[in-house]
């Protein structure tokens, strides 16, 4: 069955398999009438939120937008993996869009189900203890946060960049806040406005903020008050609401120290130490995330060869100082071998694989997702301060971050003519391969040109149109297409496809 049908998704799929086969519909259904008969029942349903969240913050949800941008070149042996994104020639059949759309609405359906089931259970109880009530409210908060996260993902990939002046007239996404499965096509929702979509995101975050009272802690495995604040700061940045971004990000800085040594920083990425993470999603050998390394290294112990799909551009390498730990610990100089050539280049090894997750003796390149790190909050603050004219604070944020990462760093001061470019470059250095670049470029509204290859003999079509490809700000592929199956299945959005796409 290929239909997505966002209002008729069954509840409680086996989300642990989310990183393996994301095209399948959930197959098991639990009646809402008897889903929650105790706090323990609610706790079991709550685990699906985190299982799904682990999947949605790893794997293709991280690397898809990265390979679409100026950060990487496809290698000559990439086998067309991600080729449509890399070449900017994808259509409404884009599998990445199908997965993100479908699984976001699966997540939303489960969130709606849990919220309603808990409300029904609370209403049916006359002697619920204060402790149990607080626990149930926390679980509801988790569901509201998860729903806000899902709608934000949908809005940022399938809608135009948010602009308060035009958002009321731009397409958002269909909004479903009630679990009500139906096969009646007349009841399927159409797309709301982008303004309405962000109103829903912020309303859900209001609820999450009210119900989630768990204090933040470094490396938290579950949603906390600080996780809500970190996400609110990100949402505000994407809405160009700089005062709100500052209000939520500023208090976090004091409580989450930056990794400031090579060993501490390396331990964060290799062993998932959790240092400087506002949240690091729980993972284990039996609850693995997807690999966020899109064959960036691909080393075979059997052959002794490195055969990556994607190689960082020379422009990326040139951004880093020689002693920047983000360079020395994340990039690895490797001899890459292709059918036509062999040469040493720097590869991205940000996801080397936690040894606790190894299958056998070789890494599977799986690491616990780190959706909210304090370094991002420094960059949010730097940008928000700069955009509101507080250059002193903006410079302080940049200097503190760079001082922690670069042993030789001496503070510098940037003016209004160049500080935004410094912040944008710093976002590349710090957030490289973490899933931010495509959305950043889109909100900058300037397009891009891929830089030269580290070694042209290793890349796909070195003399072709993609190696130093220029993408204009007006290219319609900045916004992903609504999947063909959804357009064909939901008459309410049949005429609401994003501009530039035809249903193929």
Protein backbone atom coordinates (compact mmCIF):
# COMPACT_ATOMS: atom_id res chain seq x y z
CA UNK A 1 0.00 0.00 0.00
CA UNK A 2 1.62 3.27 -1.07
CA UNK A 3 -0.91 5.82 0.12
CA UNK A 4 0.15 8.01 3.01
CA UNK A 5 -3.26 9.44 3.93
CA UNK A 6 -2.22 11.64 6.81
CA UNK A 7 -5.58 11.45 8.59
CA UNK A 8 -5.96 7.69 8.45
CA UNK A 9 -2.63 6.51 9.80
CA UNK A 10 -2.96 3.58 12.18
CA UNK A 11 -1.37 3.98 15.57
CA UNK A 12 1.77 2.54 17.12
CA UNK A 13 4.07 1.30 14.41
CA UNK A 14 7.23 -0.46 15.35
CA UNK A 15 9.35 2.68 15.37
CA UNK A 16 12.51 0.82 16.33
CA UNK A 17 12.77 -0.12 12.66
CA UNK A 18 12.33 3.46 11.53
CA UNK A 19 15.86 3.77 10.18
CA UNK A 20 15.61 0.54 8.20
CA UNK A 21 12.41 0.81 6.17
CA UNK A 22 10.75 4.19 6.39
CA UNK A 23 8.23 3.60 3.58
CA UNK A 24 6.03 1.13 5.46
CA UNK A 25 2.77 2.13 7.05
CA UNK A 26 2.25 1.27 10.73
CA UNK A 27 0.51 -2.06 10.95
CA UNK A 28 -0.86 -2.39 14.46
CA UNK A 29 -3.77 -0.51 15.98
CA UNK A 30 -4.80 -0.07 19.59
CA UNK A 31 -8.25 1.23 20.46
CA UNK A 32 -8.17 4.61 22.14
CA UNK A 33 -10.87 3.36 24.52
CA UNK A 34 -8.47 0.98 26.28
CA UNK A 35 -5.02 2.22 25.38
CA UNK A 36 -4.30 3.88 28.74
CA UNK A 37 -5.67 2.13 31.81
CA UNK A 38 -2.78 3.05 34.09
CA UNK A 39 0.28 5.27 34.33
CA UNK A 40 2.33 2.27 33.25
CA UNK A 41 0.29 2.02 30.02
CA UNK A 42 1.01 5.68 29.29
CA UNK A 43 4.71 5.11 29.95
CA UNK A 44 4.78 2.33 27.36
CA UNK A 45 3.13 4.54 24.75
CA UNK A 46 5.53 7.34 25.63
CA UNK A 47 8.48 5.17 24.60
CA UNK A 48 7.23 5.24 21.01
CA UNK A 49 7.73 9.01 21.02
CA UNK A 50 11.41 8.61 21.86
CA UNK A 51 11.93 5.65 19.57
CA UNK A 52 10.51 7.65 16.66
CA UNK A 53 12.35 10.81 17.69
CA UNK A 54 15.63 8.86 17.62
CA UNK A 55 14.90 7.85 14.05
CA UNK A 56 13.85 11.34 12.97
CA UNK A 57 17.05 12.93 14.33
CA UNK A 58 19.48 10.60 12.60
CA UNK A 59 20.22 9.00 9.26
CA UNK A 60 18.75 10.52 6.12
CA UNK A 61 16.99 13.21 8.15
CA UNK A 62 20.46 14.61 8.86
CA UNK A 63 22.42 13.96 5.69
CA UNK A 64 19.84 14.57 2.94
CA UNK A 65 19.96 18.36 3.13
CA UNK A 66 23.74 18.36 3.55
CA UNK A 67 24.54 16.58 0.29
CA UNK A 68 22.12 18.90 -1.50
CA UNK A 69 24.33 21.91 -0.74
CA UNK A 70 27.83 23.29 -1.25
CA UNK A 71 29.47 21.20 1.47
CA UNK A 72 30.16 18.00 -0.46
CA UNK A 73 31.11 16.58 -3.84
CA UNK A 74 29.78 13.20 -4.88
CA UNK A 75 32.62 10.76 -5.40
CA UNK A 76 33.10 8.98 -8.70
CA UNK A 77 31.95 5.78 -7.00
CA UNK A 78 28.90 7.13 -5.19
CA UNK A 79 26.57 4.92 -7.20
CA UNK A 80 23.98 7.69 -7.62
CA UNK A 81 23.14 7.49 -3.91
CA UNK A 82 21.48 10.81 -3.20
CA UNK A 83 22.20 11.80 -6.78
CA UNK A 84 18.89 13.57 -7.39
CA UNK A 85 19.48 15.80 -4.37
CA UNK A 86 23.11 16.43 -5.30
CA UNK A 87 22.20 17.36 -8.90
CA UNK A 88 19.07 19.33 -7.91
CA UNK A 89 16.95 17.43 -10.43
CA UNK A 90 14.61 15.60 -8.04
CA UNK A 91 10.90 15.30 -8.74
CA UNK A 92 7.75 14.58 -6.74
CA UNK A 93 8.92 10.98 -6.45
CA UNK A 94 11.82 12.03 -4.16
CA UNK A 95 12.12 9.22 -1.63
CA UNK A 96 13.57 11.49 1.04
CA UNK A 97 10.48 13.71 0.81
CA UNK A 98 8.18 10.69 0.99
CA UNK A 99 9.94 9.46 4.14
CA UNK A 100 10.02 12.82 5.90
CA UNK A 101 6.39 13.61 5.07
CA UNK A 102 4.98 10.19 5.91
CA UNK A 103 6.93 9.59 9.08
CA UNK A 104 6.31 13.07 10.42
CA UNK A 105 2.59 12.42 10.17
CA UNK A 106 3.00 8.99 11.76
CA UNK A 107 4.72 10.77 14.63
CA UNK A 108 1.94 13.37 14.80
CA UNK A 109 -0.75 10.67 14.82
CA UNK A 110 0.94 8.95 17.75
CA UNK A 111 1.30 12.25 19.59
CA UNK A 112 -2.40 13.02 19.11
CA UNK A 113 -3.33 9.54 20.26
CA UNK A 114 -1.24 9.78 23.44
CA UNK A 115 -2.51 13.25 24.36
CA UNK A 116 -6.14 12.22 23.96
CA UNK A 117 -5.69 8.88 25.71
CA UNK A 118 -4.06 10.52 28.73
CA UNK A 119 -6.78 13.18 28.88
CA UNK A 120 -9.46 10.48 28.80
CA UNK A 121 -7.71 8.49 31.53
CA UNK A 122 -7.28 11.52 33.79
CA UNK A 123 -10.96 12.42 33.35
CA UNK A 124 -11.99 8.89 34.33
CA UNK A 125 -10.02 8.84 37.59
CA UNK A 126 -11.40 10.19 40.87
CA UNK A 127 -8.46 9.41 43.16
CA UNK A 128 -5.40 10.02 40.97
CA UNK A 129 -2.43 10.95 43.13
CA UNK A 130 -0.57 14.22 42.60
CA UNK A 131 2.54 12.23 41.67
CA UNK A 132 0.73 10.20 39.02
CA UNK A 133 -0.97 13.30 37.65
CA UNK A 134 2.39 15.07 37.33
CA UNK A 135 3.83 12.05 35.54
CA UNK A 136 0.95 11.92 33.08
CA UNK A 137 1.22 15.65 32.44
CA UNK A 138 4.93 15.18 31.70
CA UNK A 139 4.08 12.49 29.16
CA UNK A 140 1.60 14.85 27.53
CA UNK A 141 4.33 17.49 27.40
CA UNK A 142 6.56 15.02 25.58
CA UNK A 143 3.83 14.47 23.00
CA UNK A 144 3.29 18.20 22.50
CA UNK A 145 7.03 18.71 22.03
CA UNK A 146 7.21 15.82 19.57
CA UNK A 147 4.29 17.22 17.59
CA UNK A 148 5.89 20.68 17.45
CA UNK A 149 9.13 19.13 16.24
CA UNK A 150 7.32 17.20 13.51
CA UNK A 151 5.45 20.23 12.23
CA UNK A 152 8.66 22.26 12.26
CA UNK A 153 10.41 19.62 10.15
CA UNK A 154 7.52 19.63 7.70
CA UNK A 155 7.38 23.43 7.55
CA UNK A 156 11.09 23.90 6.97
CA UNK A 157 11.40 21.35 4.16
CA UNK A 158 8.03 21.59 2.40
CA UNK A 159 7.27 25.31 2.75
CA UNK A 160 8.83 28.62 1.83
CA UNK A 161 11.16 30.34 4.27
CA UNK A 162 9.14 32.06 6.98
CA UNK A 163 8.59 35.78 6.49
CA UNK A 164 6.09 37.45 8.82
CA UNK A 165 5.04 39.83 6.04
CA UNK A 166 4.00 37.01 3.67
CA UNK A 167 3.42 33.94 5.87
CA UNK A 168 -0.36 34.36 5.90
CA UNK A 169 -0.38 33.97 2.11
CA UNK A 170 2.15 31.13 1.82
CA UNK A 171 1.29 27.45 1.95
CA UNK A 172 2.00 25.69 5.22
CA UNK A 173 1.18 22.04 5.83
CA UNK A 174 -2.00 20.16 6.76
CA UNK A 175 -2.56 20.39 10.51
CA UNK A 176 -4.07 17.46 12.40
CA UNK A 177 -4.46 17.77 16.17
CA UNK A 178 -7.09 15.08 16.77
CA UNK A 179 -6.62 11.36 16.35
CA UNK A 180 -9.55 10.47 14.10
CA UNK A 181 -8.72 7.81 11.48
CA UNK A 182 -11.05 7.83 8.50
CA UNK A 183 -11.21 6.61 4.94
CA UNK A 184 -13.57 9.44 4.01
CA UNK A 185 -11.52 11.57 1.62
CA UNK A 186 -13.81 14.54 2.13
CA UNK A 187 -12.47 14.83 5.69
CA UNK A 188 -8.79 14.88 4.76
CA UNK A 189 -7.22 18.27 5.58
CA UNK A 190 -5.79 20.71 3.06
CA UNK A 191 -2.71 22.82 3.59
CA UNK A 192 -3.00 25.60 6.15
CA UNK A 193 -1.09 28.85 5.76
CA UNK A 194 2.53 29.05 6.81
CA UNK A 195 1.53 31.55 9.50
CA UNK A 196 -1.02 29.09 10.89
CA UNK A 197 1.54 26.29 10.80
CA UNK A 198 4.03 28.23 12.92
CA UNK A 199 1.23 29.28 15.24
CA UNK A 200 0.57 25.58 15.82
CA UNK A 201 4.27 24.88 16.42
CA UNK A 202 4.47 27.62 19.02
CA UNK A 203 1.17 26.64 20.64
CA UNK A 204 2.46 23.09 21.04
CA UNK A 205 5.67 24.43 22.52
CA UNK A 206 3.62 26.53 24.94
CA UNK A 207 1.98 23.29 26.10
CA UNK A 208 5.31 21.47 26.24
CA UNK A 209 6.73 24.30 28.32
CA UNK A 210 3.80 24.09 30.73
CA UNK A 211 3.88 20.32 31.19
CA UNK A 212 7.59 19.43 31.02
CA UNK A 213 9.02 20.39 34.39
CA UNK A 214 12.10 18.18 34.35
CA UNK A 215 15.19 20.26 35.01
CA UNK A 216 17.82 20.28 32.31
CA UNK A 217 21.06 18.33 32.61
CA UNK A 218 24.09 17.80 30.39
CA UNK A 219 23.49 14.90 28.00
CA UNK A 220 19.82 14.49 28.95
CA UNK A 221 18.19 11.50 27.25
CA UNK A 222 14.65 12.85 27.50
CA UNK A 223 12.95 16.20 26.88
CA UNK A 224 13.61 18.72 29.64
CA UNK A 225 12.80 22.36 30.29
CA UNK A 226 16.13 23.26 28.68
CA UNK A 227 15.42 21.12 25.60
CA UNK A 228 12.16 23.03 25.14
CA UNK A 229 14.03 26.34 25.47
CA UNK A 230 16.72 25.27 22.99
CA UNK A 231 14.12 24.29 20.42
CA UNK A 232 12.13 27.48 20.99
CA UNK A 233 15.28 29.48 20.31
CA UNK A 234 15.79 27.60 17.03
CA UNK A 235 12.19 28.09 15.93
CA UNK A 236 12.40 31.80 16.77
CA UNK A 237 15.60 32.16 14.72
CA UNK A 238 13.91 30.60 11.70
CA UNK A 239 11.02 33.04 12.18
CA UNK A 240 13.44 36.01 12.36
CA UNK A 241 12.07 36.64 15.84
CA UNK A 242 15.41 37.61 17.32
CA UNK A 243 14.25 38.92 20.74
CA UNK A 244 12.51 35.61 21.42
CA UNK A 245 15.55 33.65 20.28
CA UNK A 246 17.70 35.62 22.73
CA UNK A 247 15.19 35.16 25.55
CA UNK A 248 15.27 31.37 25.27
CA UNK A 249 18.93 30.80 24.34
CA UNK A 250 20.62 33.21 26.74
CA UNK A 251 19.90 31.37 30.03
CA UNK A 252 21.26 28.09 28.61
CA UNK A 253 24.83 29.29 28.13
CA UNK A 254 25.80 29.20 31.82
CA UNK A 255 24.69 25.60 32.36
CA UNK A 256 26.29 23.75 29.43
CA UNK A 257 30.08 24.18 29.13
CA UNK A 258 31.64 23.81 25.69
CA UNK A 259 34.10 21.01 25.04
CA UNK A 260 37.40 22.86 25.11
CA UNK A 261 40.03 20.16 24.59
CA UNK A 262 40.76 17.79 21.73
CA UNK A 263 40.11 14.71 23.84
CA UNK A 264 36.83 16.01 25.29
CA UNK A 265 35.57 17.06 21.88
CA UNK A 266 36.59 13.75 20.29
CA UNK A 267 34.89 11.84 23.11
CA UNK A 268 31.64 13.66 22.35
CA UNK A 269 31.53 12.32 18.81
CA UNK A 270 33.16 8.91 19.21
CA UNK A 271 31.85 7.66 22.55
CA UNK A 272 28.72 9.83 22.84
CA UNK A 273 29.91 11.31 26.11
CA UNK A 274 27.03 13.80 26.08
CA UNK A 275 29.29 16.73 26.99
CA UNK A 276 27.79 20.08 25.88
CA UNK A 277 24.60 18.30 24.75
CA UNK A 278 21.35 19.82 25.96
CA UNK A 279 19.92 16.55 24.71
CA UNK A 280 21.54 13.39 23.42
CA UNK A 281 18.86 10.89 22.43
CA UNK A 282 19.01 7.52 24.15
CA UNK A 283 20.46 4.79 21.94
CA UNK A 284 21.77 1.30 22.55
CA UNK A 285 22.85 -1.79 20.69
CA UNK A 286 19.23 -2.93 20.62
CA UNK A 287 17.82 0.56 19.93
CA UNK A 288 20.12 1.92 17.26
CA UNK A 289 19.70 5.24 15.50
CA UNK A 290 20.21 5.55 11.78
CA UNK A 291 23.75 6.28 10.66
CA UNK A 292 24.13 9.99 9.91
CA UNK A 293 27.31 9.27 7.99
CA UNK A 294 26.21 8.90 4.37
CA UNK A 295 29.17 6.70 3.54
CA UNK A 296 31.36 9.72 4.29
CA UNK A 297 34.25 7.39 5.17
CA UNK A 298 33.24 3.87 4.16
CA UNK A 299 36.38 2.03 5.17
CA UNK A 300 36.55 -1.71 4.55
CA UNK A 301 38.81 -3.68 6.85
CA UNK A 302 38.71 -6.56 4.39
CA UNK A 303 40.05 -4.54 1.43
CA UNK A 304 41.79 -1.77 3.33
CA UNK A 305 40.12 0.76 1.02
CA UNK A 306 38.23 3.99 1.61
CA UNK A 307 35.32 4.31 -0.83
CA UNK A 308 33.15 7.24 0.33
CA UNK A 309 30.01 8.43 -1.41
CA UNK A 310 30.64 12.09 -0.57
CA UNK A 311 33.84 14.11 -0.08
CA UNK A 312 33.97 17.56 1.57
CA UNK A 313 34.75 20.40 -0.81
CA UNK A 314 38.05 22.25 -0.65
CA UNK A 315 36.12 25.36 0.36
CA UNK A 316 34.99 23.60 3.54
CA UNK A 317 38.50 22.49 4.41
CA UNK A 318 39.83 26.01 3.85
CA UNK A 319 37.42 27.44 6.45
CA UNK A 320 39.25 25.84 9.37
CA UNK A 321 42.38 26.92 11.20
CA UNK A 322 45.01 24.18 11.38
CA UNK A 323 44.58 23.76 15.14
CA UNK A 324 40.78 23.98 15.18
CA UNK A 325 39.69 20.82 16.98
CA UNK A 326 36.61 20.68 14.74
CA UNK A 327 39.09 20.09 11.92
CA UNK A 328 41.68 17.91 13.65
CA UNK A 329 39.09 15.63 15.26
CA UNK A 330 36.34 15.52 12.64
CA UNK A 331 38.22 15.38 9.35
CA UNK A 332 40.47 12.45 8.52
CA UNK A 333 43.13 12.45 5.80
CA UNK A 334 42.55 9.22 3.89
CA UNK A 335 43.78 7.65 0.67
CA UNK A 336 40.62 7.27 -1.40
CA UNK A 337 40.67 4.81 -4.27
CA UNK A 338 38.34 4.91 -7.26
CA UNK A 339 38.34 3.09 -10.56
CA UNK A 340 40.25 5.92 -12.21
CA UNK A 341 42.43 7.34 -9.47
CA UNK A 342 43.85 7.19 -5.97
CA UNK A 343 44.63 10.23 -3.85
CA UNK A 344 44.66 11.55 -0.30
CA UNK A 345 41.77 13.81 0.70
CA UNK A 346 40.09 14.84 3.92
CA UNK A 347 36.91 12.89 4.70
CA UNK A 348 34.17 13.71 7.20
CA UNK A 349 34.43 11.42 10.22
CA UNK A 350 31.97 13.22 12.51
CA UNK A 351 30.05 9.97 12.98
CA UNK A 352 32.78 7.37 13.52
CA UNK A 353 30.42 5.00 15.29
CA UNK A 354 30.19 4.43 19.03
CA UNK A 355 32.23 1.27 19.86
CA UNK A 356 29.34 0.15 22.08
CA UNK A 357 27.24 -0.13 18.92
CA UNK A 358 29.74 -2.00 16.73
CA UNK A 359 28.40 -5.05 15.00
CA UNK A 360 31.32 -7.45 15.07
CA UNK A 361 34.71 -5.79 14.79
CA UNK A 362 33.85 -3.04 12.29
CA UNK A 363 31.98 0.17 12.95
CA UNK A 364 28.45 0.66 11.65
CA UNK A 365 28.94 4.46 11.90
CA UNK A 366 26.07 4.77 14.38
CA UNK A 367 26.21 7.42 17.08
CA UNK A 368 23.54 8.72 19.45
CA UNK A 369 21.72 11.70 17.90
CA UNK A 370 22.60 15.11 19.34
CA UNK A 371 19.70 17.31 18.23
CA UNK A 372 20.42 20.13 20.68
CA UNK A 373 23.98 21.19 21.52
CA UNK A 374 24.97 24.32 23.38
CA UNK A 375 27.24 25.35 20.49
CA UNK A 376 24.16 25.92 18.35
CA UNK A 377 22.77 28.22 21.02
CA UNK A 378 25.97 30.31 20.93
CA UNK A 379 25.45 30.70 17.19
CA UNK A 380 21.75 31.50 17.58
CA UNK A 381 22.66 34.19 20.07
CA UNK A 382 25.44 35.59 17.89
CA UNK A 383 23.06 35.93 14.96
CA UNK A 384 20.16 37.29 17.01
CA UNK A 385 22.40 39.84 18.74
CA UNK A 386 23.89 40.93 15.42
CA UNK A 387 20.47 41.28 13.81
CA UNK A 388 19.25 43.45 16.69
CA UNK A 389 22.33 45.70 16.61
CA UNK A 390 24.09 44.36 19.71
CA UNK A 391 27.46 43.78 18.05
CA UNK A 392 29.34 43.59 21.34
CA UNK A 393 27.36 40.56 22.52
CA UNK A 394 27.46 39.00 19.05
CA UNK A 395 31.25 39.24 19.05
CA UNK A 396 31.40 37.80 22.55
CA UNK A 397 29.46 34.72 21.46
CA UNK A 398 31.74 34.16 18.46
CA UNK A 399 34.90 34.66 20.48
CA UNK A 400 33.77 32.35 23.29
CA UNK A 401 32.92 29.58 20.82
CA UNK A 402 36.11 29.97 18.83
CA UNK A 403 38.20 30.27 21.96
CA UNK A 404 36.91 26.90 23.13
CA UNK A 405 37.60 25.24 19.77
CA UNK A 406 40.86 26.85 18.60
CA UNK A 407 43.82 26.84 21.05
CA UNK A 408 45.59 29.65 19.19
CA UNK A 409 42.52 31.88 19.00
CA UNK A 410 42.81 35.51 20.02
CA UNK A 411 39.64 37.57 20.28
CA UNK A 412 38.61 39.63 17.29
CA UNK A 413 35.94 42.26 16.79
CA UNK A 414 33.71 42.43 13.74
CA UNK A 415 31.56 45.30 12.59
CA UNK A 416 28.15 45.46 10.99
CA UNK A 417 29.70 45.08 7.51
CA UNK A 418 31.17 41.62 8.11
CA UNK A 419 29.86 40.03 11.29
CA UNK A 420 26.99 38.17 9.60
CA UNK A 421 29.38 36.50 7.17
CA UNK A 422 31.54 35.46 10.11
CA UNK A 423 28.51 33.95 11.83
CA UNK A 424 27.49 32.09 8.68
CA UNK A 425 30.98 30.69 8.24
CA UNK A 426 31.05 29.68 11.89
CA UNK A 427 27.80 27.78 11.45
CA UNK A 428 29.52 25.73 8.75
CA UNK A 429 32.55 25.04 10.94
CA UNK A 430 30.53 24.10 13.98
CA UNK A 431 27.44 22.43 12.52
CA UNK A 432 29.06 20.73 9.53
CA UNK A 433 27.20 17.52 8.54
CA UNK A 434 24.56 17.97 11.27
CA UNK A 435 21.64 18.79 8.97
CA UNK A 436 21.52 22.59 9.12
CA UNK A 437 23.18 23.78 5.91
CA UNK A 438 20.35 23.54 3.36
CA UNK A 439 17.90 25.29 5.66
CA UNK A 440 20.49 27.94 6.53
CA UNK A 441 21.22 28.69 2.88
CA UNK A 442 17.53 28.94 2.13
CA UNK A 443 16.85 31.45 4.89
CA UNK A 444 19.89 33.48 3.79
CA UNK A 445 18.20 33.70 0.37
CA UNK A 446 21.43 34.01 -1.59
CA UNK A 447 21.87 30.69 -3.37
CA UNK A 448 25.33 29.12 -3.53
CA UNK A 449 28.17 27.91 -5.70
CA UNK A 450 29.90 24.65 -4.80
CA UNK A 451 33.59 25.17 -4.25
CA UNK A 452 36.35 23.29 -6.04
CA UNK A 453 37.09 19.66 -5.30
CA UNK A 454 39.95 18.61 -3.06
CA UNK A 455 41.00 16.32 -5.90
CA UNK A 456 38.96 16.42 -9.09
CA UNK A 457 40.01 12.93 -10.15
CA UNK A 458 37.96 11.45 -7.31
CA UNK A 459 34.64 13.21 -7.93
CA UNK A 460 31.60 12.46 -10.06
CA UNK A 461 31.74 14.18 -13.47
CA UNK A 462 34.70 16.46 -12.55
CA UNK A 463 34.29 18.50 -15.74
CA UNK A 464 30.51 18.38 -15.68
CA UNK A 465 27.91 20.84 -14.42
CA UNK A 466 27.75 19.68 -10.78
CA UNK A 467 31.29 19.99 -9.38
CA UNK A 468 31.20 23.78 -9.05
CA UNK A 469 27.47 24.04 -9.54
CA UNK A 470 25.69 27.36 -8.99
CA UNK A 471 22.16 27.27 -7.56
CA UNK A 472 20.20 30.51 -7.60
CA UNK A 473 18.01 31.71 -4.78
CA UNK A 474 15.00 31.28 -7.09
CA UNK A 475 15.50 27.57 -7.82
CA UNK A 476 12.22 25.87 -6.90
CA UNK A 477 14.05 22.83 -5.46
CA UNK A 478 14.82 24.80 -2.29
CA UNK A 479 11.35 23.63 -1.25
CA UNK A 480 10.82 19.88 -1.38
CA UNK A 481 7.77 18.51 -3.25
CA UNK A 482 4.69 17.14 -1.56
CA UNK A 483 4.99 13.39 -2.35
CA UNK A 484 3.08 12.19 -5.40
CA UNK A 485 1.24 9.55 -3.37
CA UNK A 486 -0.13 12.15 -0.99
CA UNK A 487 -1.21 14.48 -3.79
CA UNK A 488 -2.98 11.59 -5.53
CA UNK A 489 -4.60 10.27 -2.35
CA UNK A 490 -5.82 13.51 -0.76
CA UNK A 491 -8.18 15.55 -2.94
CA UNK A 492 -7.89 18.49 -0.55
CA UNK A 493 -4.27 19.13 -1.58
CA UNK A 494 -4.40 17.88 -5.16
CA UNK A 495 -4.04 21.47 -6.36
CA UNK A 496 -1.65 22.54 -3.60
CA UNK A 497 1.65 21.13 -4.86
CA UNK A 498 4.68 23.34 -4.39
CA UNK A 499 5.61 25.57 -7.38
CA UNK A 500 7.74 24.04 -10.11
CA UNK A 501 6.72 20.43 -9.60
CA UNK A 502 4.41 18.34 -11.73
CA UNK A 503 2.96 15.11 -10.36
CA UNK A 504 5.00 12.34 -11.88
